[in-house]
Protein backbone atom coordinates (compact mmCIF):
# COMPACT_ATOMS: atom_id res chain seq x y z
CA MET A 1 43.61 6.37 113.63
CA GLU A 2 43.05 9.81 111.96
CA THR A 3 41.12 12.26 113.72
CA PRO A 4 37.88 13.21 111.79
CA LEU A 5 38.33 16.42 110.26
CA LYS A 6 35.18 18.73 111.47
CA LEU A 7 34.00 20.97 109.59
CA PRO A 8 32.88 24.68 111.10
CA CYS A 9 29.06 25.44 109.57
CA SER A 10 26.57 27.79 111.24
CA GLU A 11 23.05 25.73 111.68
CA ASP A 12 20.72 28.97 112.34
CA ALA A 13 22.22 31.25 109.89
CA GLU A 14 21.58 28.45 107.42
CA LYS A 15 18.00 28.68 108.73
CA GLY A 16 17.73 32.54 108.70
CA LEU A 17 18.98 32.85 105.43
CA LEU A 18 16.21 30.25 104.13
CA CYS A 19 13.84 31.36 106.61
CA SER A 20 14.66 35.46 104.63
CA LEU A 21 14.00 33.99 101.56
CA LEU A 22 10.71 32.33 102.00
CA LEU A 23 9.73 35.59 103.20
CA GLY A 24 11.57 37.83 100.86
CA GLY A 25 11.08 36.09 97.54
CA ASP A 26 12.97 37.41 94.64
CA ALA A 27 13.80 40.66 96.97
CA VAL A 28 16.27 38.50 98.99
CA ALA A 29 17.38 36.38 95.98
CA VAL A 30 18.24 39.44 93.71
CA GLU A 31 20.91 40.77 96.44
CA ILE A 32 22.85 38.14 97.09
CA LYS A 33 24.59 34.98 95.41
CA VAL A 34 24.62 31.56 97.63
CA PRO A 35 25.57 28.33 95.92
CA LYS A 36 23.56 25.67 97.07
CA GLU A 37 26.91 23.77 97.89
CA ALA A 38 27.61 26.49 100.74
CA PHE A 39 24.83 25.39 102.88
CA TYR A 40 26.40 22.35 104.98
CA ILE A 41 23.23 20.73 106.17
CA PRO A 42 21.90 18.36 103.02
CA ALA A 43 18.55 19.39 103.88
CA ASN A 44 19.09 22.88 103.72
CA ARG A 45 20.74 22.53 100.42
CA LEU A 46 18.36 20.90 98.98
CA LEU A 47 15.58 23.48 99.67
CA TRP A 48 17.44 26.03 99.10
CA GLU A 49 17.88 24.42 95.56
CA THR A 50 14.43 24.15 95.39
CA LEU A 51 13.42 28.18 96.17
CA CYS A 52 15.63 29.09 93.99
CA GLU A 53 14.00 26.80 91.16
CA LEU A 54 10.71 27.97 92.30
CA LEU A 55 11.78 31.87 92.11
CA ALA A 56 13.14 31.36 88.66
CA GLU A 57 9.77 29.97 87.83
CA LYS A 58 8.43 33.31 88.93
CA LYS A 59 6.83 31.37 91.37
CA PRO A 60 5.45 32.04 94.75
CA LEU A 61 7.32 30.53 97.97
CA ASP A 62 4.32 29.93 99.98
CA PHE A 63 4.11 26.97 102.35
CA VAL A 64 1.90 24.75 100.01
CA ILE A 65 3.62 25.18 97.27
CA VAL A 66 6.54 24.32 98.61
CA LYS A 67 5.43 21.58 100.17
CA GLN A 68 3.61 19.93 96.69
CA ARG A 69 7.25 21.21 94.58
CA LEU A 70 9.19 18.64 97.54
CA ILE A 71 6.24 16.16 97.41
CA ASP A 72 6.99 16.16 93.41
CA SER A 73 10.08 15.81 93.27
CA LYS A 74 10.03 12.99 96.11
CA ASN A 75 11.92 14.83 98.38
CA ILE A 76 9.98 16.21 101.21
CA GLU A 77 10.66 12.93 103.77
CA GLU A 78 14.48 14.43 103.66
CA ILE A 79 13.32 17.76 104.66
CA GLY A 80 10.11 17.21 106.32
CA ILE A 81 6.85 19.25 106.80
CA GLU A 82 7.57 20.14 110.08
CA TYR A 83 10.85 21.61 109.57
CA LEU A 84 9.51 23.12 106.81
CA SER A 85 7.05 24.77 108.88
CA SER A 86 9.00 25.76 110.97
CA LEU A 87 11.24 27.73 108.53
CA TYR A 88 8.58 30.29 107.79
CA SER A 89 8.69 31.95 111.62
CA PHE A 90 12.57 31.09 112.01
CA VAL A 91 13.44 34.58 111.90
CA PRO A 92 10.34 37.32 111.92
CA THR A 93 11.94 39.11 108.88
CA SER A 94 14.23 38.93 105.89
CA ALA A 95 15.87 42.27 106.79
CA ASN A 96 18.94 40.65 108.31
CA PHE A 97 19.12 37.77 105.08
CA ARG A 98 22.72 39.96 104.42
CA SER A 99 24.40 38.96 107.52
CA TYR A 100 23.08 35.53 107.61
CA ALA A 101 24.46 34.99 103.48
CA GLU A 102 27.92 36.21 104.55
CA ILE A 103 27.60 33.89 107.92
CA VAL A 104 26.79 31.07 105.10
CA LEU A 105 29.35 31.78 103.29
CA ASP A 106 32.59 32.48 105.23
CA LYS A 107 31.80 29.37 106.79
CA TRP A 108 31.62 27.89 103.45
CA ARG A 109 35.17 29.32 102.75
CA ILE A 110 36.98 28.36 105.65
CA ARG A 111 35.24 24.56 105.06
CA LYS A 112 36.64 24.64 101.37
CA ALA A 113 40.47 26.07 102.81
CA MET A 114 39.96 23.47 105.39
CA LEU A 115 39.51 21.06 103.16
CA ASP A 116 42.46 21.87 100.55
CA ILE A 117 44.78 22.42 103.49
CA ARG A 118 44.23 19.03 104.20
CA GLU A 119 44.23 17.48 100.87
CA LEU A 120 48.07 19.49 100.57
CA ILE A 121 48.82 17.85 103.37
CA HIS A 122 48.13 14.43 102.22
CA TYR A 123 49.84 15.14 98.94
CA LEU A 124 53.18 16.53 100.67
CA GLU A 125 53.15 13.18 103.02
CA ASP A 126 53.88 11.44 99.79
CA ARG A 127 57.82 10.49 99.94
CA ASP A 128 58.46 9.60 96.12
CA ALA A 129 57.07 12.83 94.89
CA GLU A 130 59.19 15.50 93.72
CA TRP A 131 59.74 19.45 94.37
CA PRO A 132 58.95 21.04 90.93
CA GLN A 133 55.69 19.07 91.37
CA LEU A 134 54.91 19.71 95.01
CA LYS A 135 55.80 23.32 94.51
CA GLY A 136 53.09 23.43 91.89
CA LYS A 137 50.48 22.50 94.05
CA ILE A 138 51.79 24.24 97.22
CA GLU A 139 51.29 27.96 95.17
CA SER A 140 47.88 26.12 92.94
CA CYS A 141 46.54 25.88 96.67
CA LEU A 142 47.47 28.80 98.04
CA LEU A 143 45.77 30.36 95.16
CA LYS A 144 42.92 29.12 95.48
CA LEU A 145 42.79 30.22 99.04
CA VAL A 146 43.40 33.61 98.33
CA SER A 147 40.68 34.07 95.76
CA ASP A 148 37.54 35.90 96.53
CA ASP A 149 36.04 34.04 93.43
CA ASP A 150 33.57 31.20 94.91
CA GLY A 151 32.28 30.18 91.30
CA ASP A 152 33.94 28.13 88.71
CA GLU A 153 37.44 28.08 88.55
CA VAL A 154 38.42 30.00 85.12
CA ASP A 155 41.46 28.84 83.57
CA THR A 156 44.36 31.51 81.16
CA MET A 157 42.56 30.60 77.78
CA GLU A 158 39.03 31.58 79.17
CA MET A 159 39.81 34.60 80.50
CA THR A 160 41.64 35.57 77.50
CA HIS A 161 38.35 35.23 75.46
CA LEU A 162 36.37 37.00 77.58
CA TRP A 163 38.67 40.15 77.63
CA MET A 164 38.74 39.78 73.83
CA GLU A 165 34.70 39.82 74.01
CA ASP A 166 35.04 42.74 76.32
CA LEU A 167 36.62 44.60 74.33
CA SER A 168 34.80 43.78 70.98
CA THR A 169 31.66 45.04 73.38
CA ARG A 170 33.30 47.85 74.45
CA LYS A 171 34.42 48.87 70.40
CA GLU A 172 30.79 47.95 68.86
CA ARG A 173 29.17 50.48 71.76
CA LEU A 174 32.23 53.35 71.29
CA ALA A 175 31.33 53.52 67.13
CA ARG A 176 27.62 53.41 67.97
CA GLU A 177 27.29 55.85 70.87
CA GLY A 178 31.19 57.86 70.33
CA ILE A 179 32.52 59.52 72.91
CA GLY A 180 32.30 62.91 74.87
CA PHE A 181 34.37 65.64 76.38
CA GLY A 182 33.73 64.66 79.80
CA ILE A 183 31.86 68.54 80.36
CA GLN A 184 28.08 68.49 80.45
CA THR A 185 27.95 71.32 78.82
CA LEU A 186 30.32 71.24 76.32
CA ASP A 187 29.00 67.53 74.87
CA GLU A 188 25.79 69.48 74.90
CA VAL A 189 26.77 71.75 72.06
CA LEU A 190 29.06 69.38 70.00
CA GLY A 191 27.30 66.06 70.71
CA GLN A 192 29.37 62.36 70.70
CA GLN A 193 32.42 62.21 68.54
CA GLN A 194 34.16 58.99 67.23
CA PRO A 195 37.23 58.25 67.48
CA GLY A 196 39.91 59.53 65.22
CA GLU A 197 37.94 62.92 64.52
CA LEU A 198 39.67 65.74 64.82
CA VAL A 199 37.56 68.77 66.38
CA VAL A 200 38.40 72.24 66.78
CA ILE A 201 37.22 74.55 68.94
CA GLY A 202 37.84 78.15 69.41
CA ALA A 203 36.93 80.33 71.19
CA PRO A 204 37.00 84.31 73.03
């Protein structure tokens, strides 16, 4: 019988981050990027998603408004009124929200790594698998593990399109604004130059 895989999480950090968002609102939300998937506890994940939706709608996160949204979405039973109320005072202030967010993200990254490695081991145990396929799977798994990007994977073609779009934007901005020499007093006198222009500077 296979031993169940125990996944790490920090319930206190998740609650601390939720409380920080409830207390700090946009001031907290704009400084951190934590996807709902980073929350291990289902109720916390659902509540985080609800709070982010309310903030996107420019609505305050006071108890009455959050509770009503959960009632309207038929999620109040999963969260619990007492649990929601307790979160507003779980931490005294939102001052440490960055630390809570980092703990939540770290636990999420570790869980993802554990699941990816478990999947890789199952794949390696396939006696019919051939080395070229195994090697590709191993490389893909390792690349995923060392990546710092917590968002969706971007394939090579999408990366190329993004790169070309960035170059195009830079070219348009350059044509519109021009470039300087990086010397403030000189740029103030000559202004911005367009690519390809010949500028002759004479001085004693």
